[in-house]
Structure formats: structure tokens, C-alpha cells
């Protein structure tokens, strides 16, 4: 599995098992397997001390909510960049995809990340 995080022209962050679609030795697009939209927010917490750690709340939801498709082709001109996700987000994604393959519950999952 090649789990990557793609930033799209639309501004969406999509995590998926991403493979290149090649035609005549040229990348013409990408195949996103089990794509999920990565959403985050910074929770409001009152603290007495100002600490340097960052708290993020990360949520994953199916990228195209009302589709049964698990493989979604994406044209290469819609990709701004593809990067390696941070380990914590990658782990959340793997757990969610493994959970979905063992059951058909598609509820959103939220986790807190502390770096």
C-alpha cells in the first residue's frame, strides 16, 4: 500500500492508497483507492500556561460520500501535490479503512492529535 496525502486544486486534503495511471510512459492521472477527506480544526482550550505543543482534531470522511466506488480516478491537472502524511494521520486512516473492510459502518471518526 502506498498511502499518500494529496492536495487538490479545490483545496481539499485527500488521503488514499494512491497509484499513478500511466499512458505511453507519461502520468495522465492517479487512482485513489479508499479516498478520505482529511478535515482538521484547532480545539479551543483554556490553559494557564502557553505550551509549545499543538493540539489538532482530525476527522476522516469518505471523499465522495454518496458513492459505492472505492477506486476513484483523478486527472493529474487536479493535483497540486502529493506528499507523505504524518504518521499519526496515516495510522488513523489505516485503522478506519481496516475497520470499514470488516464492517459496513461509514460513520465519521474523530481523534485528537498532540504533537
C-alpha atoms as a PDB file:
ATOM      1  CA  UNK A   1       0.000   0.000   0.000  1.00  0.00           C
ATOM      2  CA  UNK A   2       1.234   3.485  -0.885  1.00  0.00           C
ATOM      3  CA  UNK A   3      -0.713   5.774   1.422  1.00  0.00           C
ATOM      4  CA  UNK A   4      -0.253   9.402   0.429  1.00  0.00           C
ATOM      5  CA  UNK A   5      -1.881  12.748   1.110  1.00  0.00           C
ATOM      6  CA  UNK A   6      -2.962  14.722  -1.968  1.00  0.00           C
ATOM      7  CA  UNK A   7      -3.687  18.432  -2.014  1.00  0.00           C
ATOM      8  CA  UNK A   8      -6.207  19.143  -4.761  1.00  0.00           C
ATOM      9  CA  UNK A   9      -6.864  22.374  -6.679  1.00  0.00           C
ATOM     10  CA  UNK A  10     -10.119  22.642  -4.728  1.00  0.00           C
ATOM     11  CA  UNK A  11      -8.092  22.942  -1.506  1.00  0.00           C
ATOM     12  CA  UNK A  12      -9.198  19.520  -0.256  1.00  0.00           C
ATOM     13  CA  UNK A  13      -6.722  17.252   1.508  1.00  0.00           C
ATOM     14  CA  UNK A  14      -7.409  13.659   0.455  1.00  0.00           C
ATOM     15  CA  UNK A  15      -5.648  10.639   1.938  1.00  0.00           C
ATOM     16  CA  UNK A  16      -5.720   7.382  -0.036  1.00  0.00           C
ATOM     17  CA  UNK A  17      -3.735   4.490  -1.381  1.00  0.00           C
ATOM     18  CA  UNK A  18      -2.567   6.381  -4.486  1.00  0.00           C
ATOM     19  CA  UNK A  19      -1.242   4.821  -7.669  1.00  0.00           C
ATOM     20  CA  UNK A  20      -0.124   6.511 -10.891  1.00  0.00           C
ATOM     21  CA  UNK A  21      -2.125   5.983 -14.073  1.00  0.00           C
ATOM     22  CA  UNK A  22       0.421   5.851 -16.908  1.00  0.00           C
ATOM     23  CA  UNK A  23      -0.240   6.066 -20.633  1.00  0.00           C
ATOM     24  CA  UNK A  24       2.605   5.941 -23.156  1.00  0.00           C
ATOM     25  CA  UNK A  25       5.162   6.354 -20.342  1.00  0.00           C
ATOM     26  CA  UNK A  26       3.509   9.573 -19.152  1.00  0.00           C
ATOM     27  CA  UNK A  27       1.490  10.053 -15.938  1.00  0.00           C
ATOM     28  CA  UNK A  28      -2.008  11.056 -17.034  1.00  0.00           C
ATOM     29  CA  UNK A  29      -3.719  10.714 -13.667  1.00  0.00           C
ATOM     30  CA  UNK A  30      -3.907   8.902 -10.361  1.00  0.00           C
ATOM     31  CA  UNK A  31      -6.063   6.162  -8.926  1.00  0.00           C
ATOM     32  CA  UNK A  32      -7.229   6.876  -5.368  1.00  0.00           C
ATOM     33  CA  UNK A  33      -8.173   3.694  -3.519  1.00  0.00           C
ATOM     34  CA  UNK A  34     -10.410   4.277  -0.450  1.00  0.00           C
ATOM     35  CA  UNK A  35     -10.058   8.085  -0.592  1.00  0.00           C
ATOM     36  CA  UNK A  36     -10.976  10.019   2.531  1.00  0.00           C
ATOM     37  CA  UNK A  37     -11.247  13.742   3.073  1.00  0.00           C
ATOM     38  CA  UNK A  38      -8.979  14.935   5.882  1.00  0.00           C
ATOM     39  CA  UNK A  39     -10.577  17.649   7.963  1.00  0.00           C
ATOM     40  CA  UNK A  40      -8.995  19.324  10.941  1.00  0.00           C
ATOM     41  CA  UNK A  41      -9.548  22.078  13.425  1.00  0.00           C
ATOM     42  CA  UNK A  42      -7.734  23.525  16.378  1.00  0.00           C
ATOM     43  CA  UNK A  43      -9.820  22.969  19.516  1.00  0.00           C
ATOM     44  CA  UNK A  44     -10.319  25.921  21.833  1.00  0.00           C
ATOM     45  CA  UNK A  45      -8.807  25.060  25.201  1.00  0.00           C
ATOM     46  CA  UNK A  46      -8.163  27.429  28.078  1.00  0.00           C
ATOM     47  CA  UNK A  47      -4.720  26.877  29.594  1.00  0.00           C
ATOM     48  CA  UNK A  48      -2.861  28.607  32.357  1.00  0.00           C
ATOM     49  CA  UNK A  49       0.467  28.112  30.619  1.00  0.00           C
ATOM     50  CA  UNK A  50       1.273  28.746  26.989  1.00  0.00           C
ATOM     51  CA  UNK A  51       2.792  25.460  25.816  1.00  0.00           C
ATOM     52  CA  UNK A  52       4.536  24.858  22.500  1.00  0.00           C
ATOM     53  CA  UNK A  53       2.562  21.684  21.701  1.00  0.00           C
ATOM     54  CA  UNK A  54      -0.126  21.791  19.037  1.00  0.00           C
ATOM     55  CA  UNK A  55      -3.457  20.078  19.504  1.00  0.00           C
ATOM     56  CA  UNK A  56      -5.394  19.207  16.367  1.00  0.00           C
ATOM     57  CA  UNK A  57      -8.694  17.436  15.980  1.00  0.00           C
ATOM     58  CA  UNK A  58      -8.597  15.330  12.818  1.00  0.00           C
ATOM     59  CA  UNK A  59     -11.621  13.818  11.112  1.00  0.00           C
ATOM     60  CA  UNK A  60     -11.800  11.455   8.157  1.00  0.00           C
ATOM     61  CA  UNK A  61     -14.862  11.000   5.984  1.00  0.00           C
ATOM     62  CA  UNK A  62     -15.319   9.324   2.613  1.00  0.00           C
ATOM     63  CA  UNK A  63     -14.196  11.758  -0.074  1.00  0.00           C
ATOM     64  CA  UNK A  64     -17.221  11.215  -2.325  1.00  0.00           C
ATOM     65  CA  UNK A  65     -19.877  10.496   0.239  1.00  0.00           C
ATOM     66  CA  UNK A  66     -22.682   9.134  -1.911  1.00  0.00           C
ATOM     67  CA  UNK A  67     -20.714   6.653  -3.997  1.00  0.00           C
ATOM     68  CA  UNK A  68     -20.052   2.959  -3.555  1.00  0.00           C
ATOM     69  CA  UNK A  69     -16.839   3.263  -5.595  1.00  0.00           C
ATOM     70  CA  UNK A  70     -13.625   2.507  -3.738  1.00  0.00           C
ATOM     71  CA  UNK A  71     -11.318   3.303  -6.683  1.00  0.00           C
ATOM     72  CA  UNK A  72     -11.595   6.862  -7.967  1.00  0.00           C
ATOM     73  CA  UNK A  73      -9.541   8.099 -10.941  1.00  0.00           C
ATOM     74  CA  UNK A  74      -8.299  11.702 -10.662  1.00  0.00           C
ATOM     75  CA  UNK A  75      -6.864  13.719 -13.550  1.00  0.00           C
ATOM     76  CA  UNK A  76      -3.290  14.826 -12.941  1.00  0.00           C
ATOM     77  CA  UNK A  77      -4.124  18.501 -13.568  1.00  0.00           C
ATOM     78  CA  UNK A  78      -6.328  18.486 -10.431  1.00  0.00           C
ATOM     79  CA  UNK A  79      -3.397  17.542  -8.180  1.00  0.00           C
ATOM     80  CA  UNK A  80      -1.372  20.357  -6.623  1.00  0.00           C
ATOM     81  CA  UNK A  81       0.975  17.982  -4.807  1.00  0.00           C
ATOM     82  CA  UNK A  82       1.198  14.507  -3.286  1.00  0.00           C
ATOM     83  CA  UNK A  83       3.097  14.103  -0.019  1.00  0.00           C
ATOM     84  CA  UNK A  84       3.757  11.601   2.742  1.00  0.00           C
ATOM     85  CA  UNK A  85       1.206  12.089   5.560  1.00  0.00           C
ATOM     86  CA  UNK A  86       2.340  12.460   9.163  1.00  0.00           C
ATOM     87  CA  UNK A  87       2.451   9.096  10.913  1.00  0.00           C
ATOM     88  CA  UNK A  88      -0.490   9.832  13.252  1.00  0.00           C
ATOM     89  CA  UNK A  89      -2.846  10.674  10.352  1.00  0.00           C
ATOM     90  CA  UNK A  90      -1.632   7.657   8.375  1.00  0.00           C
ATOM     91  CA  UNK A  91      -2.379   5.411  11.367  1.00  0.00           C
ATOM     92  CA  UNK A  92      -5.906   6.857  11.765  1.00  0.00           C
ATOM     93  CA  UNK A  93      -6.542   6.263   8.053  1.00  0.00           C
ATOM     94  CA  UNK A  94      -5.274   2.670   8.171  1.00  0.00           C
ATOM     95  CA  UNK A  95      -7.437   1.913  11.213  1.00  0.00           C
ATOM     96  CA  UNK A  96     -10.517   3.419   9.551  1.00  0.00           C
ATOM     97  CA  UNK A  97     -10.005   1.566   6.253  1.00  0.00           C
ATOM     98  CA  UNK A  98      -9.393  -1.723   8.084  1.00  0.00           C
ATOM     99  CA  UNK A  99     -12.481  -1.112  10.218  1.00  0.00           C
ATOM    100  CA  UNK A 100     -14.601  -0.385   7.127  1.00  0.00           C
ATOM    101  CA  UNK A 101     -13.435  -3.560   5.429  1.00  0.00           C
ATOM    102  CA  UNK A 102     -14.533  -5.589   8.461  1.00  0.00           C
ATOM    103  CA  UNK A 103     -17.902  -3.819   8.821  1.00  0.00           C
ATOM    104  CA  UNK A 104     -20.084  -1.554   6.708  1.00  0.00           C
ATOM    105  CA  UNK A 105     -20.437   1.289   9.197  1.00  0.00           C
ATOM    106  CA  UNK A 106     -19.468   4.559   7.456  1.00  0.00           C
ATOM    107  CA  UNK A 107     -19.663   6.911  10.421  1.00  0.00           C
ATOM    108  CA  UNK A 108     -17.082   9.683  10.723  1.00  0.00           C
ATOM    109  CA  UNK A 109     -14.197   9.166  13.111  1.00  0.00           C
ATOM    110  CA  UNK A 110     -12.614  11.951  15.125  1.00  0.00           C
ATOM    111  CA  UNK A 111      -9.353  11.760  17.005  1.00  0.00           C
ATOM    112  CA  UNK A 112      -7.189  14.245  18.856  1.00  0.00           C
ATOM    113  CA  UNK A 113      -3.576  14.622  17.790  1.00  0.00           C
ATOM    114  CA  UNK A 114      -0.945  16.077  20.071  1.00  0.00           C
ATOM    115  CA  UNK A 115       2.421  16.866  18.527  1.00  0.00           C
END
